[in-house]
């Protein structure tokens, strides 16, 4: 399995290219460590308490279903 930090860095770089087409993103969801690293990155940013598309903020994130 690929290193989650490298995957997130690659996704960040691709997000800067408007013509980039993401494929098979669902594969990332199988790596639980990816969620922990993404949470750390999001939680550390200013504005982390801004509700997302689902209306939730970072403090309501959980790995429990």
PDB file of N, CA and C in Angstrom:
ATOM      1  N   UNK A   1       0.848  -1.171   0.000  1.00  0.00           N
ATOM      2  CA  UNK A   1       0.000   0.000   0.000  1.00  0.00           C
ATOM      3  C   UNK A   1       0.897   1.239   0.000  1.00  0.00           C
ATOM      4  N   UNK A   2       0.487   2.237  -0.731  1.00  0.00           N
ATOM      5  CA  UNK A   2       1.284   3.464  -0.843  1.00  0.00           C
ATOM      6  C   UNK A   2       1.267   4.261   0.454  1.00  0.00           C
ATOM      7  N   UNK A   3       2.328   5.023   0.650  1.00  0.00           N
ATOM      8  CA  UNK A   3       2.464   5.867   1.828  1.00  0.00           C
ATOM      9  C   UNK A   3       1.390   6.956   1.787  1.00  0.00           C
ATOM     10  N   UNK A   4       0.575   7.063   2.829  1.00  0.00           N
ATOM     11  CA  UNK A   4      -0.512   8.047   2.835  1.00  0.00           C
ATOM     12  C   UNK A   4      -0.043   9.491   2.670  1.00  0.00           C
ATOM     13  N   UNK A   5       1.109   9.820   3.216  1.00  0.00           N
ATOM     14  CA  UNK A   5       1.624  11.180   3.091  1.00  0.00           C
ATOM     15  C   UNK A   5       1.922  11.493   1.622  1.00  0.00           C
ATOM     16  N   UNK A   6       2.517  10.550   0.927  1.00  0.00           N
ATOM     17  CA  UNK A   6       2.814  10.754  -0.492  1.00  0.00           C
ATOM     18  C   UNK A   6       1.535  10.878  -1.309  1.00  0.00           C
ATOM     19  N   UNK A   7       0.545  10.071  -0.973  1.00  0.00           N
ATOM     20  CA  UNK A   7      -0.733  10.123  -1.699  1.00  0.00           C
ATOM     21  C   UNK A   7      -1.396  11.477  -1.496  1.00  0.00           C
ATOM     22  N   UNK A   8      -1.464  11.945  -0.249  1.00  0.00           N
ATOM     23  CA  UNK A   8      -2.088  13.237   0.024  1.00  0.00           C
ATOM     24  C   UNK A   8      -1.319  14.386  -0.628  1.00  0.00           C
ATOM     25  N   UNK A   9       0.008  14.298  -0.626  1.00  0.00           N
ATOM     26  CA  UNK A   9       0.803  15.333  -1.298  1.00  0.00           C
ATOM     27  C   UNK A   9       0.535  15.343  -2.798  1.00  0.00           C
ATOM     28  N   UNK A  10       0.422  14.158  -3.387  1.00  0.00           N
ATOM     29  CA  UNK A  10       0.135  14.066  -4.822  1.00  0.00           C
ATOM     30  C   UNK A  10      -1.253  14.634  -5.127  1.00  0.00           C
ATOM     31  N   UNK A  11      -2.232  14.311  -4.291  1.00  0.00           N
ATOM     32  CA  UNK A  11      -3.581  14.851  -4.495  1.00  0.00           C
ATOM     33  C   UNK A  11      -3.579  16.363  -4.390  1.00  0.00           C
ATOM     34  N   UNK A  12      -2.802  16.881  -3.459  1.00  0.00           N
ATOM     35  CA  UNK A  12      -2.696  18.334  -3.291  1.00  0.00           C
ATOM     36  C   UNK A  12      -2.108  18.978  -4.541  1.00  0.00           C
ATOM     37  N   UNK A  13      -1.069  18.389  -5.082  1.00  0.00           N
ATOM     38  CA  UNK A  13      -0.454  18.918  -6.298  1.00  0.00           C
ATOM     39  C   UNK A  13      -1.412  18.840  -7.483  1.00  0.00           C
ATOM     40  N   UNK A  14      -2.121  17.727  -7.610  1.00  0.00           N
ATOM     41  CA  UNK A  14      -3.065  17.567  -8.717  1.00  0.00           C
ATOM     42  C   UNK A  14      -4.219  18.568  -8.618  1.00  0.00           C
ATOM     43  N   UNK A  15      -4.571  18.962  -7.397  1.00  0.00           N
ATOM     44  CA  UNK A  15      -5.688  19.892  -7.224  1.00  0.00           C
ATOM     45  C   UNK A  15      -5.373  21.270  -7.802  1.00  0.00           C
ATOM     46  N   UNK A  16      -4.100  21.553  -8.004  1.00  0.00           N
ATOM     47  CA  UNK A  16      -3.691  22.846  -8.562  1.00  0.00           C
ATOM     48  C   UNK A  16      -3.812  22.893 -10.086  1.00  0.00           C
ATOM     49  N   UNK A  17      -4.034  21.728 -10.694  1.00  0.00           N
ATOM     50  CA  UNK A  17      -4.147  21.634 -12.154  1.00  0.00           C
ATOM     51  C   UNK A  17      -5.620  21.435 -12.500  1.00  0.00           C
ATOM     52  N   UNK A  18      -6.240  22.469 -13.049  1.00  0.00           N
ATOM     53  CA  UNK A  18      -7.684  22.405 -13.300  1.00  0.00           C
ATOM     54  C   UNK A  18      -8.068  21.313 -14.300  1.00  0.00           C
ATOM     55  N   UNK A  19      -7.168  20.935 -15.178  1.00  0.00           N
ATOM     56  CA  UNK A  19      -7.477  19.920 -16.186  1.00  0.00           C
ATOM     57  C   UNK A  19      -7.230  18.490 -15.686  1.00  0.00           C
ATOM     58  N   UNK A  20      -6.667  18.350 -14.481  1.00  0.00           N
ATOM     59  CA  UNK A  20      -6.370  17.003 -13.979  1.00  0.00           C
ATOM     60  C   UNK A  20      -7.664  16.250 -13.708  1.00  0.00           C
ATOM     61  N   UNK A  21      -7.674  15.000 -14.081  1.00  0.00           N
ATOM     62  CA  UNK A  21      -8.864  14.162 -13.889  1.00  0.00           C
ATOM     63  C   UNK A  21      -8.533  13.074 -12.874  1.00  0.00           C
ATOM     64  N   UNK A  22      -9.231  13.096 -11.746  1.00  0.00           N
ATOM     65  CA  UNK A  22      -9.015  12.091 -10.707  1.00  0.00           C
ATOM     66  C   UNK A  22      -9.686  10.785 -11.108  1.00  0.00           C
ATOM     67  N   UNK A  23      -9.008   9.690 -10.832  1.00  0.00           N
ATOM     68  CA  UNK A  23      -9.564   8.366 -11.133  1.00  0.00           C
ATOM     69  C   UNK A  23      -9.319   7.434  -9.953  1.00  0.00           C
ATOM     70  N   UNK A  24     -10.242   6.578  -9.704  1.00  0.00           N
ATOM     71  CA  UNK A  24     -10.143   5.529  -8.684  1.00  0.00           C
ATOM     72  C   UNK A  24      -9.816   6.066  -7.290  1.00  0.00           C
ATOM     73  N   UNK A  25     -10.430   7.162  -6.912  1.00  0.00           N
ATOM     74  CA  UNK A  25     -10.201   7.724  -5.585  1.00  0.00           C
ATOM     75  C   UNK A  25     -10.710   6.814  -4.472  1.00  0.00           C
ATOM     76  N   UNK A  26     -11.657   5.959  -4.776  1.00  0.00           N
ATOM     77  CA  UNK A  26     -12.218   5.056  -3.763  1.00  0.00           C
ATOM     78  C   UNK A  26     -11.152   4.177  -3.139  1.00  0.00           C
ATOM     79  N   UNK A  27     -10.059   3.898  -3.844  1.00  0.00           N
ATOM     80  CA  UNK A  27      -8.997   3.032  -3.310  1.00  0.00           C
ATOM     81  C   UNK A  27      -8.333   3.660  -2.093  1.00  0.00           C
ATOM     82  N   UNK A  28      -8.317   4.968  -2.032  1.00  0.00           N
ATOM     83  CA  UNK A  28      -7.704   5.664  -0.906  1.00  0.00           C
ATOM     84  C   UNK A  28      -8.468   5.381   0.385  1.00  0.00           C
ATOM     85  N   UNK A  29      -9.761   5.173   0.277  1.00  0.00           N
ATOM     86  CA  UNK A  29     -10.597   4.989   1.458  1.00  0.00           C
ATOM     87  C   UNK A  29     -10.313   3.700   2.215  1.00  0.00           C
ATOM     88  N   UNK A  30      -9.598   2.781   1.622  1.00  0.00           N
ATOM     89  CA  UNK A  30      -9.296   1.515   2.282  1.00  0.00           C
ATOM     90  C   UNK A  30      -8.118   1.619   3.239  1.00  0.00           C
ATOM     91  N   UNK A  31      -7.386   2.703   3.200  1.00  0.00           N
ATOM     92  CA  UNK A  31      -6.224   2.890   4.058  1.00  0.00           C
ATOM     93  C   UNK A  31      -6.628   3.767   5.242  1.00  0.00           C
ATOM     94  N   UNK A  32      -6.807   3.146   6.408  1.00  0.00           N
ATOM     95  CA  UNK A  32      -7.273   3.870   7.593  1.00  0.00           C
ATOM     96  C   UNK A  32      -6.297   4.968   8.011  1.00  0.00           C
ATOM     97  N   UNK A  33      -5.016   4.737   7.800  1.00  0.00           N
ATOM     98  CA  UNK A  33      -4.010   5.735   8.170  1.00  0.00           C
ATOM     99  C   UNK A  33      -4.216   7.036   7.388  1.00  0.00           C
ATOM    100  N   UNK A  34      -4.772   6.917   6.194  1.00  0.00           N
ATOM    101  CA  UNK A  34      -5.047   8.094   5.365  1.00  0.00           C
ATOM    102  C   UNK A  34      -5.993   9.052   6.098  1.00  0.00           C
ATOM    103  N   UNK A  35      -6.983   8.510   6.788  1.00  0.00           N
ATOM    104  CA  UNK A  35      -7.933   9.341   7.518  1.00  0.00           C
ATOM    105  C   UNK A  35      -7.259  10.079   8.670  1.00  0.00           C
ATOM    106  N   UNK A  36      -6.347   9.412   9.374  1.00  0.00           N
ATOM    107  CA  UNK A  36      -5.652  10.046  10.486  1.00  0.00           C
ATOM    108  C   UNK A  36      -4.772  11.195  10.007  1.00  0.00           C
ATOM    109  N   UNK A  37      -4.070  10.973   8.926  1.00  0.00           N
ATOM    110  CA  UNK A  37      -3.184  12.021   8.394  1.00  0.00           C
ATOM    111  C   UNK A  37      -4.008  13.180   7.842  1.00  0.00           C
ATOM    112  N   UNK A  38      -5.080  12.888   7.141  1.00  0.00           N
ATOM    113  CA  UNK A  38      -5.951  13.939   6.607  1.00  0.00           C
ATOM    114  C   UNK A  38      -6.556  14.750   7.750  1.00  0.00           C
ATOM    115  N   UNK A  39      -6.950  14.074   8.819  1.00  0.00           N
ATOM    116  CA  UNK A  39      -7.516  14.758   9.985  1.00  0.00           C
ATOM    117  C   UNK A  39      -6.482  15.694  10.606  1.00  0.00           C
ATOM    118  N   UNK A  40      -5.249  15.212  10.748  1.00  0.00           N
ATOM    119  CA  UNK A  40      -4.197  16.050  11.324  1.00  0.00           C
ATOM    120  C   UNK A  40      -3.967  17.298  10.480  1.00  0.00           C
ATOM    121  N   UNK A  41      -3.988  17.133   9.180  1.00  0.00           N
ATOM    122  CA  UNK A  41      -3.780  18.286   8.292  1.00  0.00           C
ATOM    123  C   UNK A  41      -4.940  19.268   8.376  1.00  0.00           C
ATOM    124  N   UNK A  42      -6.135  18.764   8.417  1.00  0.00           N
ATOM    125  CA  UNK A  42      -7.305  19.629   8.454  1.00  0.00           C
ATOM    126  C   UNK A  42      -7.435  20.314   9.810  1.00  0.00           C
ATOM    127  N   UNK A  43      -7.229  19.564  10.871  1.00  0.00           N
ATOM    128  CA  UNK A  43      -7.389  20.102  12.220  1.00  0.00           C
ATOM    129  C   UNK A  43      -6.404  21.229  12.502  1.00  0.00           C
ATOM    130  N   UNK A  44      -5.219  21.159  11.924  1.00  0.00           N
ATOM    131  CA  UNK A  44      -4.182  22.154  12.186  1.00  0.00           C
ATOM    132  C   UNK A  44      -4.416  23.463  11.445  1.00  0.00           C
ATOM    133  N   UNK A  45      -5.318  23.488  10.490  1.00  0.00           N
ATOM    134  CA  UNK A  45      -5.547  24.682   9.675  1.00  0.00           C
ATOM    135  C   UNK A  45      -6.544  25.641  10.311  1.00  0.00           C
ATOM    136  N   UNK A  46      -6.313  26.925  10.054  1.00  0.00           N
ATOM    137  CA  UNK A  46      -7.270  27.939  10.481  1.00  0.00           C
ATOM    138  C   UNK A  46      -8.569  27.717   9.704  1.00  0.00           C
ATOM    139  N   UNK A  47      -9.677  27.888  10.355  1.00  0.00           N
ATOM    140  CA  UNK A  47     -10.963  27.680   9.697  1.00  0.00           C
ATOM    141  C   UNK A  47     -11.440  26.248   9.775  1.00  0.00           C
ATOM    142  N   UNK A  48     -10.811  25.441  10.622  1.00  0.00           N
ATOM    143  CA  UNK A  48     -11.181  24.027  10.703  1.00  0.00           C
ATOM    144  C   UNK A  48     -12.573  23.804  11.288  1.00  0.00           C
ATOM    145  N   UNK A  49     -13.142  24.816  11.882  1.00  0.00           N
ATOM    146  CA  UNK A  49     -14.486  24.665  12.447  1.00  0.00           C
ATOM    147  C   UNK A  49     -15.564  25.125  11.471  1.00  0.00           C
ATOM    148  N   UNK A  50     -15.186  25.401  10.230  1.00  0.00           N
ATOM    149  CA  UNK A  50     -16.147  25.763   9.197  1.00  0.00           C
ATOM    150  C   UNK A  50     -16.855  24.487   8.745  1.00  0.00           C
ATOM    151  N   UNK A  51     -18.175  24.481   8.750  1.00  0.00           N
ATOM    152  CA  UNK A  51     -18.900  23.276   8.325  1.00  0.00           C
ATOM    153  C   UNK A  51     -18.598  22.906   6.876  1.00  0.00           C
ATOM    154  N   UNK A  52     -18.510  21.600   6.631  1.00  0.00           N
ATOM    155  CA  UNK A  52     -18.274  21.095   5.283  1.00  0.00           C
ATOM    156  C   UNK A  52     -19.579  20.971   4.516  1.00  0.00           C
ATOM    157  N   UNK A  53     -19.543  20.280   3.404  1.00  0.00           N
ATOM    158  CA  UNK A  53     -20.724  20.112   2.549  1.00  0.00           C
ATOM    159  C   UNK A  53     -21.843  19.375   3.282  1.00  0.00           C
ATOM    160  N   UNK A  54     -21.469  18.517   4.233  1.00  0.00           N
ATOM    161  CA  UNK A  54     -22.472  17.766   4.984  1.00  0.00           C
ATOM    162  C   UNK A  54     -22.920  18.499   6.248  1.00  0.00           C
ATOM    163  N   UNK A  55     -22.383  19.700   6.476  1.00  0.00           N
ATOM    164  CA  UNK A  55     -22.775  20.488   7.628  1.00  0.00           C
ATOM    165  C   UNK A  55     -21.978  20.169   8.887  1.00  0.00           C
ATOM    166  N   UNK A  56     -21.062  19.227   8.812  1.00  0.00           N
ATOM    167  CA  UNK A  56     -20.279  18.835   9.984  1.00  0.00           C
ATOM    168  C   UNK A  56     -18.970  19.614  10.040  1.00  0.00           C
ATOM    169  N   UNK A  57     -18.464  19.767  11.255  1.00  0.00           N
ATOM    170  CA  UNK A  57     -17.166  20.387  11.452  1.00  0.00           C
ATOM    171  C   UNK A  57     -16.164  19.305  11.819  1.00  0.00           C
ATOM    172  N   UNK A  58     -14.878  19.669  11.861  1.00  0.00           N
ATOM    173  CA  UNK A  58     -13.818  18.701  12.111  1.00  0.00           C
ATOM    174  C   UNK A  58     -13.963  18.049  13.489  1.00  0.00           C
ATOM    175  N   UNK A  59     -14.558  18.719  14.452  1.00  0.00           N
ATOM    176  CA  UNK A  59     -14.686  18.148  15.787  1.00  0.00           C
ATOM    177  C   UNK A  59     -15.702  17.008  15.843  1.00  0.00           C
ATOM    178  N   UNK A  60     -16.470  16.825  14.783  1.00  0.00           N
ATOM    179  CA  UNK A  60     -17.435  15.719  14.753  1.00  0.00           C
ATOM    180  C   UNK A  60     -16.931  14.529  13.941  1.00  0.00           C
ATOM    181  N   UNK A  61     -15.675  14.599  13.489  1.00  0.00           N
ATOM    182  CA  UNK A  61     -15.105  13.491  12.714  1.00  0.00           C
ATOM    183  C   UNK A  61     -14.870  12.292  13.630  1.00  0.00           C
ATOM    184  N   UNK A  62     -15.090  11.106  13.081  1.00  0.00           N
ATOM    185  CA  UNK A  62     -14.875   9.878  13.835  1.00  0.00           C
ATOM    186  C   UNK A  62     -14.622   8.738  12.867  1.00  0.00           C
ATOM    187  N   UNK A  63     -13.836   7.750  13.301  1.00  0.00           N
ATOM    188  CA  UNK A  63     -13.646   6.569  12.448  1.00  0.00           C
ATOM    189  C   UNK A  63     -14.750   5.549  12.690  1.00  0.00           C
ATOM    190  N   UNK A  64     -15.560   5.807  13.709  1.00  0.00           N
ATOM    191  CA  UNK A  64     -16.688   4.910  13.984  1.00  0.00           C
ATOM    192  C   UNK A  64     -17.821   5.206  13.003  1.00  0.00           C
ATOM    193  N   UNK A  65     -18.479   4.162  12.525  1.00  0.00           N
ATOM    194  CA  UNK A  65     -19.589   4.393  11.578  1.00  0.00           C
ATOM    195  C   UNK A  65     -20.771   5.069  12.203  1.00  0.00           C
TER     196      UNK A  65
END
